[in-house]
Amino acid sequence: LVSLALVLLRSHLSKSILDKASELISSGSVLSTLLINLFMLNPYGTVGAVLYILAGLVIGTDSYMSGTNILRVDAFHYALVIGNITLMIGLTKGQATV
């Protein structure tokens, strides 16, 4: 609902408020994914959520990785891909079988 409100109010809010609201919503999504997977004892989902967090907080997207020719934005996307794969495995393995 908050995301919908931001879309509707986008033309009336400043860019800095929209950026902070977007960060808040995305951070809340990743943290809720982490907490749910921790409570469900889902190791793959937990690793996926942790990789999302590490990609944003540790790797980042500015300049190059220290001592290498690898752009941070490339490493960021590699971490997100691995996070997506592990989260997908966690979601499919977490389904109940009949």
PDB file of N, CA and C in Angstrom:
ATOM      1  N   LEU A   1       0.809  -1.196   0.000  1.00  0.00           N
ATOM      2  CA  LEU A   1       0.000   0.000   0.000  1.00  0.00           C
ATOM      3  C   LEU A   1       0.854   1.261   0.000  1.00  0.00           C
ATOM      4  N   VAL A   2       1.949   1.225   0.724  1.00  0.00           N
ATOM      5  CA  VAL A   2       2.835   2.392   0.765  1.00  0.00           C
ATOM      6  C   VAL A   2       3.411   2.657  -0.618  1.00  0.00           C
ATOM      7  N   SER A   3       3.777   1.588  -1.338  1.00  0.00           N
ATOM      8  CA  SER A   3       4.315   1.758  -2.688  1.00  0.00           C
ATOM      9  C   SER A   3       3.282   2.379  -3.608  1.00  0.00           C
ATOM     10  N   LEU A   4       2.042   1.946  -3.506  1.00  0.00           N
ATOM     11  CA  LEU A   4       0.976   2.519  -4.327  1.00  0.00           C
ATOM     12  C   LEU A   4       0.773   3.992  -4.004  1.00  0.00           C
ATOM     13  N   ALA A   5       0.808   4.341  -2.727  1.00  0.00           N
ATOM     14  CA  ALA A   5       0.661   5.742  -2.333  1.00  0.00           C
ATOM     15  C   ALA A   5       1.787   6.586  -2.904  1.00  0.00           C
ATOM     16  N   LEU A   6       3.015   6.051  -2.905  1.00  0.00           N
ATOM     17  CA  LEU A   6       4.149   6.800  -3.465  1.00  0.00           C
ATOM     18  C   LEU A   6       3.993   7.013  -4.965  1.00  0.00           C
ATOM     19  N   VAL A   7       3.481   6.008  -5.662  1.00  0.00           N
ATOM     20  CA  VAL A   7       3.262   6.162  -7.100  1.00  0.00           C
ATOM     21  C   VAL A   7       2.237   7.255  -7.360  1.00  0.00           C
ATOM     22  N   LEU A   8       1.175   7.252  -6.577  1.00  0.00           N
ATOM     23  CA  LEU A   8       0.121   8.246  -6.766  1.00  0.00           C
ATOM     24  C   LEU A   8       0.570   9.657  -6.381  1.00  0.00           C
ATOM     25  N   LEU A   9       1.447   9.758  -5.382  1.00  0.00           N
ATOM     26  CA  LEU A   9       1.891  11.066  -4.907  1.00  0.00           C
ATOM     27  C   LEU A   9       3.219  11.512  -5.520  1.00  0.00           C
ATOM     28  N   ARG A  10       3.739  10.744  -6.450  1.00  0.00           N
ATOM     29  CA  ARG A  10       5.071  10.982  -7.011  1.00  0.00           C
ATOM     30  C   ARG A  10       5.264  12.409  -7.515  1.00  0.00           C
ATOM     31  N   SER A  11       4.276  12.962  -8.166  1.00  0.00           N
ATOM     32  CA  SER A  11       4.432  14.300  -8.736  1.00  0.00           C
ATOM     33  C   SER A  11       4.431  15.391  -7.668  1.00  0.00           C
ATOM     34  N   HIS A  12       3.977  15.076  -6.456  1.00  0.00           N
ATOM     35  CA  HIS A  12       3.889  16.075  -5.393  1.00  0.00           C
ATOM     36  C   HIS A  12       5.028  15.988  -4.371  1.00  0.00           C
ATOM     37  N   LEU A  13       5.845  14.953  -4.459  1.00  0.00           N
ATOM     38  CA  LEU A  13       6.928  14.762  -3.495  1.00  0.00           C
ATOM     39  C   LEU A  13       8.271  15.087  -4.127  1.00  0.00           C
ATOM     40  N   SER A  14       9.215  15.533  -3.304  1.00  0.00           N
ATOM     41  CA  SER A  14      10.553  15.839  -3.819  1.00  0.00           C
ATOM     42  C   SER A  14      11.317  14.550  -4.110  1.00  0.00           C
ATOM     43  N   LYS A  15      12.344  14.661  -4.944  1.00  0.00           N
ATOM     44  CA  LYS A  15      13.140  13.486  -5.315  1.00  0.00           C
ATOM     45  C   LYS A  15      13.818  12.863  -4.103  1.00  0.00           C
ATOM     46  N   SER A  16      14.293  13.676  -3.173  1.00  0.00           N
ATOM     47  CA  SER A  16      14.986  13.121  -2.005  1.00  0.00           C
ATOM     48  C   SER A  16      14.029  12.310  -1.137  1.00  0.00           C
ATOM     49  N   ILE A  17      12.795  12.763  -0.992  1.00  0.00           N
ATOM     50  CA  ILE A  17      11.815  12.003  -0.203  1.00  0.00           C
ATOM     51  C   ILE A  17      11.466  10.708  -0.914  1.00  0.00           C
ATOM     52  N   LEU A  18      11.297  10.761  -2.236  1.00  0.00           N
ATOM     53  CA  LEU A  18      11.010   9.547  -2.990  1.00  0.00           C
ATOM     54  C   LEU A  18      12.156   8.548  -2.900  1.00  0.00           C
ATOM     55  N   ASP A  19      13.403   9.031  -2.966  1.00  0.00           N
ATOM     56  CA  ASP A  19      14.562   8.145  -2.857  1.00  0.00           C
ATOM     57  C   ASP A  19      14.621   7.480  -1.488  1.00  0.00           C
ATOM     58  N   LYS A  20      14.391   8.248  -0.436  1.00  0.00           N
ATOM     59  CA  LYS A  20      14.424   7.684   0.918  1.00  0.00           C
ATOM     60  C   LYS A  20      13.279   6.697   1.135  1.00  0.00           C
ATOM     61  N   ALA A  21      12.102   7.010   0.607  1.00  0.00           N
ATOM     62  CA  ALA A  21      10.962   6.096   0.734  1.00  0.00           C
ATOM     63  C   ALA A  21      11.223   4.806  -0.031  1.00  0.00           C
ATOM     64  N   SER A  22      11.828   4.913  -1.200  1.00  0.00           N
ATOM     65  CA  SER A  22      12.161   3.730  -1.988  1.00  0.00           C
ATOM     66  C   SER A  22      13.171   2.848  -1.253  1.00  0.00           C
ATOM     67  N   GLU A  23      14.182   3.473  -0.641  1.00  0.00           N
ATOM     68  CA  GLU A  23      15.169   2.729   0.153  1.00  0.00           C
ATOM     69  C   GLU A  23      14.522   2.033   1.333  1.00  0.00           C
ATOM     70  N   LEU A  24      13.619   2.731   2.005  1.00  0.00           N
ATOM     71  CA  LEU A  24      12.921   2.168   3.158  1.00  0.00           C
ATOM     72  C   LEU A  24      12.090   0.953   2.760  1.00  0.00           C
ATOM     73  N   ILE A  25      11.363   1.062   1.670  1.00  0.00           N
ATOM     74  CA  ILE A  25      10.512  -0.047   1.217  1.00  0.00           C
ATOM     75  C   ILE A  25      11.354  -1.242   0.790  1.00  0.00           C
ATOM     76  N   SER A  26      12.419  -1.004   0.017  1.00  0.00           N
ATOM     77  CA  SER A  26      13.251  -2.123  -0.430  1.00  0.00           C
ATOM     78  C   SER A  26      13.994  -2.762   0.740  1.00  0.00           C
ATOM     79  N   SER A  27      14.462  -1.959   1.691  1.00  0.00           N
ATOM     80  CA  SER A  27      15.129  -2.513   2.880  1.00  0.00           C
ATOM     81  C   SER A  27      14.165  -3.352   3.696  1.00  0.00           C
ATOM     82  N   GLY A  28      12.950  -2.868   3.854  1.00  0.00           N
ATOM     83  CA  GLY A  28      11.936  -3.622   4.584  1.00  0.00           C
ATOM     84  C   GLY A  28      11.615  -4.940   3.913  1.00  0.00           C
ATOM     85  N   SER A  29      11.605  -4.940   2.594  1.00  0.00           N
ATOM     86  CA  SER A  29      11.335  -6.176   1.853  1.00  0.00           C
ATOM     87  C   SER A  29      12.426  -7.216   2.082  1.00  0.00           C
ATOM     88  N   VAL A  30      13.676  -6.780   1.993  1.00  0.00           N
ATOM     89  CA  VAL A  30      14.784  -7.715   2.171  1.00  0.00           C
ATOM     90  C   VAL A  30      14.840  -8.213   3.619  1.00  0.00           C
ATOM     91  N   LEU A  31      14.635  -7.318   4.572  1.00  0.00           N
ATOM     92  CA  LEU A  31      14.663  -7.746   5.978  1.00  0.00           C
ATOM     93  C   LEU A  31      13.520  -8.699   6.288  1.00  0.00           C
ATOM     94  N   SER A  32      12.342  -8.451   5.734  1.00  0.00           N
ATOM     95  CA  SER A  32      11.227  -9.370   5.981  1.00  0.00           C
ATOM     96  C   SER A  32      11.500 -10.725   5.328  1.00  0.00           C
ATOM     97  N   THR A  33      12.130 -10.726   4.142  1.00  0.00           N
ATOM     98  CA  THR A  33      12.510 -11.988   3.503  1.00  0.00           C
ATOM     99  C   THR A  33      13.493 -12.749   4.379  1.00  0.00           C
ATOM    100  N   LEU A  34      14.468 -12.048   4.932  1.00  0.00           N
ATOM    101  CA  LEU A  34      15.447 -12.683   5.815  1.00  0.00           C
ATOM    102  C   LEU A  34      14.774 -13.259   7.060  1.00  0.00           C
ATOM    103  N   LEU A  35      13.938 -12.466   7.710  1.00  0.00           N
ATOM    104  CA  LEU A  35      13.286 -12.930   8.944  1.00  0.00           C
ATOM    105  C   LEU A  35      12.377 -14.120   8.702  1.00  0.00           C
ATOM    106  N   ILE A  36      11.606 -14.073   7.638  1.00  0.00           N
ATOM    107  CA  ILE A  36      10.702 -15.193   7.334  1.00  0.00           C
ATOM    108  C   ILE A  36      11.495 -16.471   7.101  1.00  0.00           C
ATOM    109  N   ASN A  37      12.583 -16.369   6.343  1.00  0.00           N
ATOM    110  CA  ASN A  37      13.388 -17.564   6.070  1.00  0.00           C
ATOM    111  C   ASN A  37      14.112 -18.062   7.308  1.00  0.00           C
ATOM    112  N   LEU A  38      14.514 -17.149   8.185  1.00  0.00           N
ATOM    113  CA  LEU A  38      15.124 -17.581   9.450  1.00  0.00           C
ATOM    114  C   LEU A  38      14.110 -18.326  10.311  1.00  0.00           C
ATOM    115  N   PHE A  39      12.909 -17.777  10.436  1.00  0.00           N
ATOM    116  CA  PHE A  39      11.880 -18.428  11.257  1.00  0.00           C
ATOM    117  C   PHE A  39      11.421 -19.755  10.665  1.00  0.00           C
ATOM    118  N   MET A  40      11.446 -19.867   9.342  1.00  0.00           N
ATOM    119  CA  MET A  40      11.042 -21.106   8.686  1.00  0.00           C
ATOM    120  C   MET A  40      12.202 -22.104   8.587  1.00  0.00           C
ATOM    121  N   LEU A  41      13.361 -21.741   9.131  1.00  0.00           N
ATOM    122  CA  LEU A  41      14.568 -22.569   9.086  1.00  0.00           C
ATOM    123  C   LEU A  41      14.905 -22.985   7.655  1.00  0.00           C
ATOM    124  N   ASN A  42      14.826 -22.016   6.740  1.00  0.00           N
ATOM    125  CA  ASN A  42      15.085 -22.247   5.326  1.00  0.00           C
ATOM    126  C   ASN A  42      16.487 -21.716   5.003  1.00  0.00           C
ATOM    127  N   PRO A  43      17.493 -22.603   4.924  1.00  0.00           N
ATOM    128  CA  PRO A  43      18.868 -22.125   4.724  1.00  0.00           C
ATOM    129  C   PRO A  43      19.086 -21.448   3.371  1.00  0.00           C
ATOM    130  N   TYR A  44      18.464 -21.966   2.315  1.00  0.00           N
ATOM    131  CA  TYR A  44      18.662 -21.368   0.993  1.00  0.00           C
ATOM    132  C   TYR A  44      18.061 -19.961   0.930  1.00  0.00           C
ATOM    133  N   GLY A  45      16.863 -19.812   1.448  1.00  0.00           N
ATOM    134  CA  GLY A  45      16.230 -18.495   1.468  1.00  0.00           C
ATOM    135  C   GLY A  45      17.010 -17.506   2.314  1.00  0.00           C
ATOM    136  N   THR A  46      17.553 -17.991   3.430  1.00  0.00           N
ATOM    137  CA  THR A  46      18.357 -17.131   4.301  1.00  0.00           C
ATOM    138  C   THR A  46      19.622 -16.675   3.591  1.00  0.00           C
ATOM    139  N   VAL A  47      20.294 -17.588   2.904  1.00  0.00           N
ATOM    140  CA  VAL A  47      21.506 -17.232   2.164  1.00  0.00           C
ATOM    141  C   VAL A  47      21.165 -16.228   1.064  1.00  0.00           C
ATOM    142  N   GLY A  48      20.044 -16.431   0.375  1.00  0.00           N
ATOM    143  CA  GLY A  48      19.633 -15.494  -0.663  1.00  0.00           C
ATOM    144  C   GLY A  48      19.425 -14.096  -0.113  1.00  0.00           C
ATOM    145  N   ALA A  49      18.727 -13.991   1.013  1.00  0.00           N
ATOM    146  CA  ALA A  49      18.473 -12.683   1.623  1.00  0.00           C
ATOM    147  C   ALA A  49      19.774 -12.042   2.105  1.00  0.00           C
ATOM    148  N   VAL A  50      20.662 -12.839   2.675  1.00  0.00           N
ATOM    149  CA  VAL A  50      21.948 -12.309   3.135  1.00  0.00           C
ATOM    150  C   VAL A  50      22.770 -11.808   1.948  1.00  0.00           C
ATOM    151  N   LEU A  51      22.715 -12.519   0.824  1.00  0.00           N
ATOM    152  CA  LEU A  51      23.436 -12.060  -0.364  1.00  0.00           C
ATOM    153  C   LEU A  51      22.874 -10.744  -0.883  1.00  0.00           C
ATOM    154  N   TYR A  52      21.563 -10.548  -0.816  1.00  0.00           N
ATOM    155  CA  TYR A  52      20.974  -9.258  -1.200  1.00  0.00           C
ATOM    156  C   TYR A  52      21.539  -8.145  -0.315  1.00  0.00           C
ATOM    157  N   ILE A  53      21.599  -8.413   0.981  1.00  0.00           N
ATOM    158  CA  ILE A  53      22.092  -7.408   1.928  1.00  0.00           C
ATOM    159  C   ILE A  53      23.569  -7.112   1.670  1.00  0.00           C
ATOM    160  N   LEU A  54      24.360  -8.162   1.498  1.00  0.00           N
ATOM    161  CA  LEU A  54      25.789  -7.970   1.242  1.00  0.00           C
ATOM    162  C   LEU A  54      26.041  -7.235  -0.067  1.00  0.00           C
ATOM    163  N   ALA A  55      25.235  -7.531  -1.074  1.00  0.00           N
ATOM    164  CA  ALA A  55      25.403  -6.852  -2.364  1.00  0.00           C
ATOM    165  C   ALA A  55      25.232  -5.351  -2.206  1.00  0.00           C
ATOM    166  N   GLY A  56      24.229  -4.960  -1.450  1.00  0.00           N
ATOM    167  CA  GLY A  56      23.981  -3.531  -1.278  1.00  0.00           C
ATOM    168  C   GLY A  56      24.928  -2.851  -0.314  1.00  0.00           C
ATOM    169  N   LEU A  57      25.180  -3.486   0.825  1.00  0.00           N
ATOM    170  CA  LEU A  57      25.969  -2.833   1.868  1.00  0.00           C
ATOM    171  C   LEU A  57      27.477  -2.985   1.701  1.00  0.00           C
ATOM    172  N   VAL A  58      27.921  -4.147   1.265  1.00  0.00           N
ATOM    173  CA  VAL A  58      29.363  -4.410   1.205  1.00  0.00           C
ATOM    174  C   VAL A  58      29.927  -4.146  -0.188  1.00  0.00           C
ATOM    175  N   ILE A  59      29.268  -4.653  -1.217  1.00  0.00           N
ATOM    176  CA  ILE A  59      29.815  -4.517  -2.570  1.00  0.00           C
ATOM    177  C   ILE A  59      29.530  -3.131  -3.133  1.00  0.00           C
ATOM    178  N   GLY A  60      28.277  -2.721  -3.132  1.00  0.00           N
ATOM    179  CA  GLY A  60      27.924  -1.414  -3.673  1.00  0.00           C
ATOM    180  C   GLY A  60      28.014  -1.370  -5.188  1.00  0.00           C
ATOM    181  N   THR A  61      27.936  -0.169  -5.753  1.00  0.00           N
ATOM    182  CA  THR A  61      27.952  -0.042  -7.210  1.00  0.00           C
ATOM    183  C   THR A  61      28.936   1.008  -7.722  1.00  0.00           C
ATOM    184  N   ASP A  62      29.708   1.630  -6.855  1.00  0.00           N
ATOM    185  CA  ASP A  62      30.618   2.703  -7.268  1.00  0.00           C
ATOM    186  C   ASP A  62      32.032   2.193  -7.478  1.00  0.00           C
ATOM    187  N   SER A  63      32.670   2.589  -8.542  1.00  0.00           N
ATOM    188  CA  SER A  63      34.072   2.366  -8.879  1.00  0.00           C
ATOM    189  C   SER A  63      34.410   0.884  -9.056  1.00  0.00           C
ATOM    190  N   TYR A  64      35.655   0.525  -8.754  1.00  0.00           N
ATOM    191  CA  TYR A  64      36.155  -0.834  -8.951  1.00  0.00           C
ATOM    192  C   TYR A  64      36.339  -1.540  -7.612  1.00  0.00           C
ATOM    193  N   MET A  65      36.328  -2.890  -7.656  1.00  0.00           N
ATOM    194  CA  MET A  65      36.657  -3.672  -6.466  1.00  0.00           C
ATOM    195  C   MET A  65      38.125  -3.409  -6.135  1.00  0.00           C
ATOM    196  N   SER A  66      38.449  -3.376  -4.873  1.00  0.00           N
ATOM    197  CA  SER A  66      39.798  -3.048  -4.420  1.00  0.00           C
ATOM    198  C   SER A  66      40.837  -3.998  -5.016  1.00  0.00           C
ATOM    199  N   GLY A  67      41.814  -3.405  -5.715  1.00  0.00           N
ATOM    200  CA  GLY A  67      42.921  -4.187  -6.259  1.00  0.00           C
ATOM    201  C   GLY A  67      42.586  -5.006  -7.490  1.00  0.00           C
ATOM    202  N   THR A  68      41.434  -4.797  -8.107  1.00  0.00           N
ATOM    203  CA  THR A  68      41.061  -5.573  -9.291  1.00  0.00           C
ATOM    204  C   THR A  68      40.538  -4.638 -10.385  1.00  0.00           C
ATOM    205  N   ASN A  69      40.293  -5.214 -11.551  1.00  0.00           N
ATOM    206  CA  ASN A  69      39.684  -4.473 -12.647  1.00  0.00           C
ATOM    207  C   ASN A  69      38.190  -4.779 -12.758  1.00  0.00           C
ATOM    208  N   ILE A  70      37.609  -5.339 -11.711  1.00  0.00           N
ATOM    209  CA  ILE A  70      36.185  -5.703 -11.716  1.00  0.00           C
ATOM    210  C   ILE A  70      35.376  -4.516 -11.202  1.00  0.00           C
ATOM    211  N   LEU A  71      34.432  -4.080 -12.027  1.00  0.00           N
ATOM    212  CA  LEU A  71      33.542  -3.006 -11.590  1.00  0.00           C
ATOM    213  C   LEU A  71      32.659  -3.492 -10.447  1.00  0.00           C
ATOM    214  N   ARG A  72      32.453  -2.640  -9.458  1.00  0.00           N
ATOM    215  CA  ARG A  72      31.588  -2.998  -8.340  1.00  0.00           C
ATOM    216  C   ARG A  72      30.167  -3.318  -8.802  1.00  0.00           C
ATOM    217  N   VAL A  73      29.696  -2.599  -9.810  1.00  0.00           N
ATOM    218  CA  VAL A  73      28.337  -2.840 -10.283  1.00  0.00           C
ATOM    219  C   VAL A  73      28.217  -4.253 -10.866  1.00  0.00           C
ATOM    220  N   ASP A  74      29.287  -4.774 -11.475  1.00  0.00           N
ATOM    221  CA  ASP A  74      29.267  -6.143 -11.986  1.00  0.00           C
ATOM    222  C   ASP A  74      29.221  -7.148 -10.836  1.00  0.00           C
ATOM    223  N   ALA A  75      30.079  -6.956  -9.835  1.00  0.00           N
ATOM    224  CA  ALA A  75      30.074  -7.847  -8.675  1.00  0.00           C
ATOM    225  C   ALA A  75      28.731  -7.777  -7.943  1.00  0.00           C
ATOM    226  N   PHE A  76      28.152  -6.586  -7.873  1.00  0.00           N
ATOM    227  CA  PHE A  76      26.835  -6.395  -7.271  1.00  0.00           C
ATOM    228  C   PHE A  76      25.806  -7.258  -7.987  1.00  0.00           C
ATOM    229  N   HIS A  77      25.803  -7.222  -9.303  1.00  0.00           N
ATOM    230  CA  HIS A  77      24.835  -8.009 -10.062  1.00  0.00           C
ATOM    231  C   HIS A  77      25.109  -9.509  -9.959  1.00  0.00           C
ATOM    232  N   TYR A  78      26.375  -9.912  -9.895  1.00  0.00           N
ATOM    233  CA  TYR A  78      26.690 -11.331  -9.701  1.00  0.00           C
ATOM    234  C   TYR A  78      26.141 -11.817  -8.362  1.00  0.00           C
ATOM    235  N   ALA A  79      26.307 -11.018  -7.309  1.00  0.00           N
ATOM    236  CA  ALA A  79      25.785 -11.388  -5.991  1.00  0.00           C
ATOM    237  C   ALA A  79      24.260 -11.472  -6.025  1.00  0.00           C
ATOM    238  N   LEU A  80      23.610 -10.560  -6.732  1.00  0.00           N
ATOM    239  CA  LEU A  80      22.152 -10.608  -6.840  1.00  0.00           C
ATOM    240  C   LEU A  80      21.686 -11.852  -7.588  1.00  0.00           C
ATOM    241  N   VAL A  81      22.411 -12.239  -8.638  1.00  0.00           N
ATOM    242  CA  VAL A  81      22.043 -13.446  -9.392  1.00  0.00           C
ATOM    243  C   VAL A  81      22.144 -14.675  -8.493  1.00  0.00           C
ATOM    244  N   ILE A  82      23.239 -14.793  -7.758  1.00  0.00           N
ATOM    245  CA  ILE A  82      23.409 -15.940  -6.861  1.00  0.00           C
ATOM    246  C   ILE A  82      22.338 -15.898  -5.772  1.00  0.00           C
ATOM    247  N   GLY A  83      22.034 -14.695  -5.259  1.00  0.00           N
ATOM    248  CA  GLY A  83      20.979 -14.549  -4.270  1.00  0.00           C
ATOM    249  C   GLY A  83      19.624 -14.970  -4.818  1.00  0.00           C
ATOM    250  N   ASN A  84      19.328 -14.600  -6.062  1.00  0.00           N
ATOM    251  CA  ASN A  84      18.067 -15.000  -6.684  1.00  0.00           C
ATOM    252  C   ASN A  84      17.974 -16.510  -6.839  1.00  0.00           C
ATOM    253  N   ILE A  85      19.065 -17.131  -7.255  1.00  0.00           N
ATOM    254  CA  ILE A  85      19.063 -18.586  -7.433  1.00  0.00           C
ATOM    255  C   ILE A  85      18.852 -19.296  -6.100  1.00  0.00           C
ATOM    256  N   THR A  86      19.582 -18.871  -5.063  1.00  0.00           N
ATOM    257  CA  THR A  86      19.422 -19.545  -3.773  1.00  0.00           C
ATOM    258  C   THR A  86      18.042 -19.284  -3.179  1.00  0.00           C
ATOM    259  N   LEU A  87      17.512 -18.089  -3.361  1.00  0.00           N
ATOM    260  CA  LEU A  87      16.163 -17.803  -2.872  1.00  0.00           C
ATOM    261  C   LEU A  87      15.137 -18.643  -3.626  1.00  0.00           C
ATOM    262  N   MET A  88      15.304 -18.800  -4.931  1.00  0.00           N
ATOM    263  CA  MET A  88      14.402 -19.629  -5.726  1.00  0.00           C
ATOM    264  C   MET A  88      14.448 -21.081  -5.243  1.00  0.00           C
ATOM    265  N   ILE A  89      15.642 -21.593  -4.989  1.00  0.00           N
ATOM    266  CA  ILE A  89      15.769 -22.958  -4.479  1.00  0.00           C
ATOM    267  C   ILE A  89      15.078 -23.061  -3.122  1.00  0.00           C
ATOM    268  N   GLY A  90      15.294 -22.065  -2.267  1.00  0.00           N
ATOM    269  CA  GLY A  90      14.650 -22.075  -0.960  1.00  0.00           C
ATOM    270  C   GLY A  90      13.138 -22.032  -1.048  1.00  0.00           C
ATOM    271  N   LEU A  91      12.604 -21.273  -1.983  1.00  0.00           N
ATOM    272  CA  LEU A  91      11.148 -21.195  -2.133  1.00  0.00           C
ATOM    273  C   LEU A  91      10.574 -22.494  -2.680  1.00  0.00           C
ATOM    274  N   THR A  92      11.274 -23.144  -3.604  1.00  0.00           N
ATOM    275  CA  THR A  92      10.745 -24.390  -4.164  1.00  0.00           C
ATOM    276  C   THR A  92      10.924 -25.548  -3.194  1.00  0.00           C
ATOM    277  N   LYS A  93      12.014 -25.547  -2.439  1.00  0.00           N
ATOM    278  CA  LYS A  93      12.220 -26.637  -1.461  1.00  0.00           C
ATOM    279  C   LYS A  93      11.331 -26.460  -0.240  1.00  0.00           C
ATOM    280  N   GLY A  94      10.900 -25.217   0.018  1.00  0.00           N
ATOM    281  CA  GLY A  94      10.065 -24.948   1.182  1.00  0.00           C
ATOM    282  C   GLY A  94       8.608 -25.337   0.992  1.00  0.00           C
ATOM    283  N   GLN A  95       8.225 -25.708  -0.245  1.00  0.00           N
ATOM    284  CA  GLN A  95       6.837 -26.067  -0.491  1.00  0.00           C
ATOM    285  C   GLN A  95       6.543 -27.451   0.078  1.00  0.00           C
ATOM    286  N   ALA A  96       5.362 -27.579   0.632  1.00  0.00           N
ATOM    287  CA  ALA A  96       4.947 -28.875   1.183  1.00  0.00           C
ATOM    288  C   ALA A  96       4.640 -29.828   0.042  1.00  0.00           C
ATOM    289  N   THR A  97       5.049 -31.063   0.202  1.00  0.00           N
ATOM    290  CA  THR A  97       4.751 -32.085  -0.814  1.00  0.00           C
ATOM    291  C   THR A  97       3.620 -32.955  -0.314  1.00  0.00           C
ATOM    292  N   VAL A  98       2.779 -33.366  -1.242  1.00  0.00           N
ATOM    293  CA  VAL A  98       1.609 -34.195  -0.873  1.00  0.00           C
ATOM    294  C   VAL A  98       1.794 -35.585  -1.374  1.00  0.00           C
TER     295      VAL A  98
END
